[in-house]
Amino acid sequence: MTRDVAEFERHRPLVFRVAYGMLGSAADAEDVLQETRSSGGTARSRRRSGRRRRGCPGCDEPLPEPAHLRQDPTGALPGP
């Protein structure tokens, strides 16, 4: 077992609990674990090959204000 796999397995219960708490489904939480593990392999291979990920279009733009914090000009929504 590689060091990265061992590290992932050490944190697996915590990642599962967080994913389950967010998604409310054990099957979906397991899917998140699988995606996390496979994306970790992709990132590891990119790192080892020396390639770096370039910035994505729009990554520097700020995210929009969450809807529940926006001011409603009609007054129909409760305020923050």
PDB file of N, CA and C in Angstrom:
ATOM      1  N   MET A   1       0.850  -1.174   0.000  1.00  0.00           N
ATOM      2  CA  MET A   1       0.000   0.000   0.000  1.00  0.00           C
ATOM      3  C   MET A   1       0.895   1.237   0.000  1.00  0.00           C
ATOM      4  N   THR A   2       0.617   2.158  -0.924  1.00  0.00           N
ATOM      5  CA  THR A   2       1.423   3.368  -0.994  1.00  0.00           C
ATOM      6  C   THR A   2       1.080   4.302   0.157  1.00  0.00           C
ATOM      7  N   ARG A   3       1.933   5.255   0.352  1.00  0.00           N
ATOM      8  CA  ARG A   3       1.726   6.226   1.426  1.00  0.00           C
ATOM      9  C   ARG A   3       0.434   7.007   1.217  1.00  0.00           C
ATOM     10  N   ASP A   4       0.147   7.399  -0.051  1.00  0.00           N
ATOM     11  CA  ASP A   4      -1.066   8.161  -0.348  1.00  0.00           C
ATOM     12  C   ASP A   4      -2.325   7.348  -0.057  1.00  0.00           C
ATOM     13  N   VAL A   5      -2.308   6.072  -0.439  1.00  0.00           N
ATOM     14  CA  VAL A   5      -3.473   5.214  -0.188  1.00  0.00           C
ATOM     15  C   VAL A   5      -3.665   5.026   1.312  1.00  0.00           C
ATOM     16  N   ALA A   6      -2.572   4.833   2.022  1.00  0.00           N
ATOM     17  CA  ALA A   6      -2.660   4.669   3.473  1.00  0.00           C
ATOM     18  C   ALA A   6      -3.226   5.934   4.126  1.00  0.00           C
ATOM     19  N   GLU A   7      -2.799   7.077   3.646  1.00  0.00           N
ATOM     20  CA  GLU A   7      -3.301   8.350   4.187  1.00  0.00           C
ATOM     21  C   GLU A   7      -4.796   8.509   3.893  1.00  0.00           C
ATOM     22  N   PHE A   8      -5.198   8.163   2.673  1.00  0.00           N
ATOM     23  CA  PHE A   8      -6.620   8.229   2.319  1.00  0.00           C
ATOM     24  C   PHE A   8      -7.440   7.304   3.215  1.00  0.00           C
ATOM     25  N   GLU A   9      -6.978   6.089   3.392  1.00  0.00           N
ATOM     26  CA  GLU A   9      -7.715   5.116   4.203  1.00  0.00           C
ATOM     27  C   GLU A   9      -7.808   5.562   5.659  1.00  0.00           C
ATOM     28  N   ARG A  10      -6.788   6.268   6.124  1.00  0.00           N
ATOM     29  CA  ARG A  10      -6.811   6.773   7.502  1.00  0.00           C
ATOM     30  C   ARG A  10      -7.924   7.810   7.682  1.00  0.00           C
ATOM     31  N   HIS A  11      -8.168   8.612   6.641  1.00  0.00           N
ATOM     32  CA  HIS A  11      -9.183   9.668   6.715  1.00  0.00           C
ATOM     33  C   HIS A  11     -10.538   9.245   6.157  1.00  0.00           C
ATOM     34  N   ARG A  12     -10.637   8.053   5.624  1.00  0.00           N
ATOM     35  CA  ARG A  12     -11.860   7.584   4.985  1.00  0.00           C
ATOM     36  C   ARG A  12     -13.102   7.705   5.879  1.00  0.00           C
ATOM     37  N   PRO A  13     -13.053   7.280   7.149  1.00  0.00           N
ATOM     38  CA  PRO A  13     -14.258   7.408   7.992  1.00  0.00           C
ATOM     39  C   PRO A  13     -14.722   8.858   8.155  1.00  0.00           C
ATOM     40  N   LEU A  14     -13.785   9.772   8.295  1.00  0.00           N
ATOM     41  CA  LEU A  14     -14.149  11.184   8.438  1.00  0.00           C
ATOM     42  C   LEU A  14     -14.769  11.714   7.148  1.00  0.00           C
ATOM     43  N   VAL A  15     -14.158  11.394   6.013  1.00  0.00           N
ATOM     44  CA  VAL A  15     -14.693  11.852   4.725  1.00  0.00           C
ATOM     45  C   VAL A  15     -16.092  11.277   4.514  1.00  0.00           C
ATOM     46  N   PHE A  16     -16.271  10.010   4.870  1.00  0.00           N
ATOM     47  CA  PHE A  16     -17.597   9.391   4.732  1.00  0.00           C
ATOM     48  C   PHE A  16     -18.620  10.118   5.597  1.00  0.00           C
ATOM     49  N   ARG A  17     -18.280  10.401   6.856  1.00  0.00           N
ATOM     50  CA  ARG A  17     -19.230  11.083   7.755  1.00  0.00           C
ATOM     51  C   ARG A  17     -19.619  12.451   7.224  1.00  0.00           C
ATOM     52  N   VAL A  18     -18.632  13.193   6.723  1.00  0.00           N
ATOM     53  CA  VAL A  18     -18.921  14.531   6.187  1.00  0.00           C
ATOM     54  C   VAL A  18     -19.815  14.416   4.949  1.00  0.00           C
ATOM     55  N   ALA A  19     -19.454  13.509   4.025  1.00  0.00           N
ATOM     56  CA  ALA A  19     -20.249  13.343   2.804  1.00  0.00           C
ATOM     57  C   ALA A  19     -21.660  12.863   3.136  1.00  0.00           C
ATOM     58  N   TYR A  20     -21.786  11.928   4.066  1.00  0.00           N
ATOM     59  CA  TYR A  20     -23.102  11.421   4.456  1.00  0.00           C
ATOM     60  C   TYR A  20     -23.933  12.535   5.090  1.00  0.00           C
ATOM     61  N   GLY A  21     -23.300  13.341   5.926  1.00  0.00           N
ATOM     62  CA  GLY A  21     -24.013  14.451   6.556  1.00  0.00           C
ATOM     63  C   GLY A  21     -24.503  15.471   5.543  1.00  0.00           C
ATOM     64  N   MET A  22     -23.736  15.683   4.481  1.00  0.00           N
ATOM     65  CA  MET A  22     -24.124  16.648   3.455  1.00  0.00           C
ATOM     66  C   MET A  22     -25.179  16.081   2.508  1.00  0.00           C
ATOM     67  N   LEU A  23     -25.043  14.790   2.176  1.00  0.00           N
ATOM     68  CA  LEU A  23     -25.889  14.200   1.138  1.00  0.00           C
ATOM     69  C   LEU A  23     -27.063  13.396   1.684  1.00  0.00           C
ATOM     70  N   GLY A  24     -26.934  12.883   2.914  1.00  0.00           N
ATOM     71  CA  GLY A  24     -28.017  12.127   3.517  1.00  0.00           C
ATOM     72  C   GLY A  24     -28.212  10.733   2.955  1.00  0.00           C
ATOM     73  N   SER A  25     -27.234  10.228   2.218  1.00  0.00           N
ATOM     74  CA  SER A  25     -27.352   8.902   1.613  1.00  0.00           C
ATOM     75  C   SER A  25     -26.001   8.196   1.693  1.00  0.00           C
ATOM     76  N   ALA A  26     -26.016   6.970   2.213  1.00  0.00           N
ATOM     77  CA  ALA A  26     -24.769   6.209   2.312  1.00  0.00           C
ATOM     78  C   ALA A  26     -24.220   5.889   0.927  1.00  0.00           C
ATOM     79  N   ALA A  27     -25.100   5.584  -0.018  1.00  0.00           N
ATOM     80  CA  ALA A  27     -24.648   5.270  -1.387  1.00  0.00           C
ATOM     81  C   ALA A  27     -23.970   6.478  -2.026  1.00  0.00           C
ATOM     82  N   ASP A  28     -24.557   7.664  -1.855  1.00  0.00           N
ATOM     83  CA  ASP A  28     -23.947   8.877  -2.404  1.00  0.00           C
ATOM     84  C   ASP A  28     -22.629   9.190  -1.706  1.00  0.00           C
ATOM     85  N   ALA A  29     -22.569   8.958  -0.401  1.00  0.00           N
ATOM     86  CA  ALA A  29     -21.324   9.189   0.335  1.00  0.00           C
ATOM     87  C   ALA A  29     -20.223   8.256  -0.164  1.00  0.00           C
ATOM     88  N   GLU A  30     -20.575   7.000  -0.448  1.00  0.00           N
ATOM     89  CA  GLU A  30     -19.596   6.064  -1.004  1.00  0.00           C
ATOM     90  C   GLU A  30     -19.128   6.521  -2.374  1.00  0.00           C
ATOM     91  N   ASP A  31     -20.032   7.070  -3.183  1.00  0.00           N
ATOM     92  CA  ASP A  31     -19.654   7.608  -4.490  1.00  0.00           C
ATOM     93  C   ASP A  31     -18.633   8.733  -4.337  1.00  0.00           C
ATOM     94  N   VAL A  32     -18.852   9.584  -3.342  1.00  0.00           N
ATOM     95  CA  VAL A  32     -17.906  10.674  -3.087  1.00  0.00           C
ATOM     96  C   VAL A  32     -16.531  10.104  -2.733  1.00  0.00           C
ATOM     97  N   LEU A  33     -16.509   9.064  -1.905  1.00  0.00           N
ATOM     98  CA  LEU A  33     -15.232   8.443  -1.548  1.00  0.00           C
ATOM     99  C   LEU A  33     -14.521   7.901  -2.781  1.00  0.00           C
ATOM    100  N   GLN A  34     -15.264   7.246  -3.658  1.00  0.00           N
ATOM    101  CA  GLN A  34     -14.664   6.701  -4.875  1.00  0.00           C
ATOM    102  C   GLN A  34     -14.129   7.811  -5.768  1.00  0.00           C
ATOM    103  N   GLU A  35     -14.903   8.879  -5.938  1.00  0.00           N
ATOM    104  CA  GLU A  35     -14.456  10.008  -6.756  1.00  0.00           C
ATOM    105  C   GLU A  35     -13.227  10.674  -6.156  1.00  0.00           C
ATOM    106  N   THR A  36     -13.224  10.809  -4.838  1.00  0.00           N
ATOM    107  CA  THR A  36     -12.087  11.424  -4.160  1.00  0.00           C
ATOM    108  C   THR A  36     -10.825  10.608  -4.366  1.00  0.00           C
ATOM    109  N   ARG A  37     -10.969   9.304  -4.221  1.00  0.00           N
ATOM    110  CA  ARG A  37      -9.798   8.435  -4.379  1.00  0.00           C
ATOM    111  C   ARG A  37      -9.294   8.459  -5.822  1.00  0.00           C
ATOM    112  N   SER A  38     -10.201   8.400  -6.799  1.00  0.00           N
ATOM    113  CA  SER A  38      -9.760   8.396  -8.199  1.00  0.00           C
ATOM    114  C   SER A  38      -9.198   9.753  -8.604  1.00  0.00           C
ATOM    115  N   SER A  39      -9.773  10.840  -8.106  1.00  0.00           N
ATOM    116  CA  SER A  39      -9.225  12.159  -8.452  1.00  0.00           C
ATOM    117  C   SER A  39      -7.879  12.376  -7.784  1.00  0.00           C
ATOM    118  N   GLY A  40      -7.668  11.763  -6.628  1.00  0.00           N
ATOM    119  CA  GLY A  40      -6.360  11.838  -5.986  1.00  0.00           C
ATOM    120  C   GLY A  40      -5.298  11.172  -6.832  1.00  0.00           C
ATOM    121  N   GLY A  41      -5.624  10.067  -7.483  1.00  0.00           N
ATOM    122  CA  GLY A  41      -4.687   9.392  -8.376  1.00  0.00           C
ATOM    123  C   GLY A  41      -4.349  10.238  -9.577  1.00  0.00           C
ATOM    124  N   THR A  42      -5.360  10.933 -10.109  1.00  0.00           N
ATOM    125  CA  THR A  42      -5.128  11.815 -11.253  1.00  0.00           C
ATOM    126  C   THR A  42      -4.230  12.974 -10.857  1.00  0.00           C
ATOM    127  N   ALA A  43      -4.499  13.576  -9.711  1.00  0.00           N
ATOM    128  CA  ALA A  43      -3.667  14.688  -9.244  1.00  0.00           C
ATOM    129  C   ALA A  43      -2.243  14.227  -8.984  1.00  0.00           C
ATOM    130  N   ARG A  44      -2.107  13.035  -8.429  1.00  0.00           N
ATOM    131  CA  ARG A  44      -0.781  12.494  -8.138  1.00  0.00           C
ATOM    132  C   ARG A  44       0.006  12.277  -9.426  1.00  0.00           C
ATOM    133  N   SER A  45      -0.654  11.742 -10.458  1.00  0.00           N
ATOM    134  CA  SER A  45       0.054  11.500 -11.714  1.00  0.00           C
ATOM    135  C   SER A  45       0.425  12.815 -12.388  1.00  0.00           C
ATOM    136  N   ARG A  46      -0.444  13.826 -12.291  1.00  0.00           N
ATOM    137  CA  ARG A  46      -0.105  15.146 -12.840  1.00  0.00           C
ATOM    138  C   ARG A  46       1.091  15.731 -12.122  1.00  0.00           C
ATOM    139  N   ARG A  47       1.102  15.586 -10.797  1.00  0.00           N
ATOM    140  CA  ARG A  47       2.202  16.133 -10.004  1.00  0.00           C
ATOM    141  C   ARG A  47       3.505  15.436 -10.359  1.00  0.00           C
ATOM    142  N   ARG A  48       3.465  14.126 -10.503  1.00  0.00           N
ATOM    143  CA  ARG A  48       4.673  13.374 -10.812  1.00  0.00           C
ATOM    144  C   ARG A  48       5.173  13.641 -12.218  1.00  0.00           C
ATOM    145  N   SER A  49       4.275  13.950 -13.151  1.00  0.00           N
ATOM    146  CA  SER A  49       4.701  14.186 -14.523  1.00  0.00           C
ATOM    147  C   SER A  49       5.248  15.594 -14.705  1.00  0.00           C
ATOM    148  N   GLY A  50       5.057  16.443 -13.713  1.00  0.00           N
ATOM    149  CA  GLY A  50       5.586  17.805 -13.786  1.00  0.00           C
ATOM    150  C   GLY A  50       4.634  18.783 -14.423  1.00  0.00           C
ATOM    151  N   ARG A  51       3.474  18.319 -14.874  1.00  0.00           N
ATOM    152  CA  ARG A  51       2.504  19.239 -15.467  1.00  0.00           C
ATOM    153  C   ARG A  51       1.782  19.991 -14.369  1.00  0.00           C
ATOM    154  N   ARG A  52       1.460  21.215 -14.645  1.00  0.00           N
ATOM    155  CA  ARG A  52       0.697  22.009 -13.683  1.00  0.00           C
ATOM    156  C   ARG A  52      -0.613  22.403 -14.321  1.00  0.00           C
ATOM    157  N   ARG A  53      -1.617  22.457 -13.530  1.00  0.00           N
ATOM    158  CA  ARG A  53      -2.926  22.860 -14.029  1.00  0.00           C
ATOM    159  C   ARG A  53      -2.935  24.367 -14.211  1.00  0.00           C
ATOM    160  N   ARG A  54      -3.388  24.772 -15.352  1.00  0.00           N
ATOM    161  CA  ARG A  54      -3.502  26.205 -15.638  1.00  0.00           C
ATOM    162  C   ARG A  54      -4.809  26.727 -15.057  1.00  0.00           C
ATOM    163  N   GLY A  55      -4.866  28.022 -14.844  1.00  0.00           N
ATOM    164  CA  GLY A  55      -6.085  28.621 -14.317  1.00  0.00           C
ATOM    165  C   GLY A  55      -7.260  28.404 -15.252  1.00  0.00           C
ATOM    166  N   CYS A  56      -8.417  28.313 -14.701  1.00  0.00           N
ATOM    167  CA  CYS A  56      -9.604  28.113 -15.523  1.00  0.00           C
ATOM    168  C   CYS A  56     -10.249  29.468 -15.797  1.00  0.00           C
ATOM    169  N   PRO A  57     -10.967  29.572 -16.928  1.00  0.00           N
ATOM    170  CA  PRO A  57     -11.641  30.846 -17.226  1.00  0.00           C
ATOM    171  C   PRO A  57     -12.664  31.159 -16.140  1.00  0.00           C
ATOM    172  N   GLY A  58     -12.651  32.367 -15.658  1.00  0.00           N
ATOM    173  CA  GLY A  58     -13.618  32.779 -14.655  1.00  0.00           C
ATOM    174  C   GLY A  58     -13.251  32.436 -13.224  1.00  0.00           C
ATOM    175  N   CYS A  59     -12.104  31.790 -13.006  1.00  0.00           N
ATOM    176  CA  CYS A  59     -11.738  31.402 -11.636  1.00  0.00           C
ATOM    177  C   CYS A  59     -11.425  32.605 -10.759  1.00  0.00           C
ATOM    178  N   ASP A  60     -11.044  33.696 -11.361  1.00  0.00           N
ATOM    179  CA  ASP A  60     -10.705  34.880 -10.579  1.00  0.00           C
ATOM    180  C   ASP A  60     -11.922  35.744 -10.267  1.00  0.00           C
ATOM    181  N   GLU A  61     -13.065  35.407 -10.891  1.00  0.00           N
ATOM    182  CA  GLU A  61     -14.273  36.192 -10.647  1.00  0.00           C
ATOM    183  C   GLU A  61     -14.878  35.802  -9.301  1.00  0.00           C
ATOM    184  N   PRO A  62     -15.368  36.759  -8.549  1.00  0.00           N
ATOM    185  CA  PRO A  62     -15.985  36.421  -7.257  1.00  0.00           C
ATOM    186  C   PRO A  62     -17.300  35.671  -7.470  1.00  0.00           C
ATOM    187  N   LEU A  63     -17.653  34.845  -6.520  1.00  0.00           N
ATOM    188  CA  LEU A  63     -18.927  34.140  -6.564  1.00  0.00           C
ATOM    189  C   LEU A  63     -20.058  35.119  -6.282  1.00  0.00           C
ATOM    190  N   PRO A  64     -21.251  34.861  -6.825  1.00  0.00           N
ATOM    191  CA  PRO A  64     -22.373  35.756  -6.541  1.00  0.00           C
ATOM    192  C   PRO A  64     -22.781  35.672  -5.075  1.00  0.00           C
ATOM    193  N   GLU A  65     -23.410  36.699  -4.609  1.00  0.00           N
ATOM    194  CA  GLU A  65     -23.916  36.739  -3.229  1.00  0.00           C
ATOM    195  C   GLU A  65     -24.975  35.649  -3.058  1.00  0.00           C
ATOM    196  N   PRO A  66     -24.930  34.878  -1.973  1.00  0.00           N
ATOM    197  CA  PRO A  66     -25.973  33.877  -1.758  1.00  0.00           C
ATOM    198  C   PRO A  66     -27.360  34.524  -1.760  1.00  0.00           C
ATOM    199  N   ALA A  67     -28.340  33.819  -2.305  1.00  0.00           N
ATOM    200  CA  ALA A  67     -29.688  34.370  -2.480  1.00  0.00           C
ATOM    201  C   ALA A  67     -30.290  34.858  -1.168  1.00  0.00           C
ATOM    202  N   HIS A  68     -30.039  34.117  -0.079  1.00  0.00           N
ATOM    203  CA  HIS A  68     -30.666  34.515   1.183  1.00  0.00           C
ATOM    204  C   HIS A  68     -30.031  35.769   1.784  1.00  0.00           C
ATOM    205  N   LEU A  69     -28.913  36.241   1.222  1.00  0.00           N
ATOM    206  CA  LEU A  69     -28.289  37.464   1.728  1.00  0.00           C
ATOM    207  C   LEU A  69     -28.544  38.668   0.823  1.00  0.00           C
ATOM    208  N   ARG A  70     -29.104  38.432  -0.368  1.00  0.00           N
ATOM    209  CA  ARG A  70     -29.371  39.532  -1.296  1.00  0.00           C
ATOM    210  C   ARG A  70     -30.540  40.371  -0.804  1.00  0.00           C
ATOM    211  N   GLN A  71     -30.485  41.631  -1.146  1.00  0.00           N
ATOM    212  CA  GLN A  71     -31.597  42.527  -0.833  1.00  0.00           C
ATOM    213  C   GLN A  71     -32.711  42.290  -1.841  1.00  0.00           C
ATOM    214  N   ASP A  72     -33.940  42.154  -1.382  1.00  0.00           N
ATOM    215  CA  ASP A  72     -35.089  41.952  -2.253  1.00  0.00           C
ATOM    216  C   ASP A  72     -35.794  43.293  -2.428  1.00  0.00           C
ATOM    217  N   PRO A  73     -35.761  43.847  -3.665  1.00  0.00           N
ATOM    218  CA  PRO A  73     -36.371  45.168  -3.868  1.00  0.00           C
ATOM    219  C   PRO A  73     -37.885  45.150  -3.668  1.00  0.00           C
ATOM    220  N   THR A  74     -38.539  44.006  -3.827  1.00  0.00           N
ATOM    221  CA  THR A  74     -39.994  43.939  -3.669  1.00  0.00           C
ATOM    222  C   THR A  74     -40.400  43.793  -2.195  1.00  0.00           C
ATOM    223  N   GLY A  75     -39.473  43.364  -1.348  1.00  0.00           N
ATOM    224  CA  GLY A  75     -39.781  43.160   0.048  1.00  0.00           C
ATOM    225  C   GLY A  75     -40.501  41.840   0.322  1.00  0.00           C
ATOM    226  N   ALA A  76     -40.585  40.985  -0.708  1.00  0.00           N
ATOM    227  CA  ALA A  76     -41.292  39.713  -0.552  1.00  0.00           C
ATOM    228  C   ALA A  76     -40.471  38.683   0.224  1.00  0.00           C
ATOM    229  N   LEU A  77     -39.157  38.788   0.174  1.00  0.00           N
ATOM    230  CA  LEU A  77     -38.307  37.851   0.870  1.00  0.00           C
ATOM    231  C   LEU A  77     -37.886  38.412   2.227  1.00  0.00           C
ATOM    232  N   PRO A  78     -37.710  37.547   3.220  1.00  0.00           N
ATOM    233  CA  PRO A  78     -37.232  38.051   4.511  1.00  0.00           C
ATOM    234  C   PRO A  78     -35.809  38.570   4.370  1.00  0.00           C
ATOM    235  N   GLY A  79     -35.498  39.581   5.103  1.00  0.00           N
ATOM    236  CA  GLY A  79     -34.159  40.174   5.058  1.00  0.00           C
ATOM    237  C   GLY A  79     -33.131  39.326   5.756  1.00  0.00           C
ATOM    238  N   PRO A  80     -31.849  39.704   5.611  1.00  0.00           N
ATOM    239  CA  PRO A  80     -30.763  38.936   6.261  1.00  0.00           C
ATOM    240  C   PRO A  80     -30.805  39.020   7.765  1.00  0.00           C
TER     241      PRO A  80
END
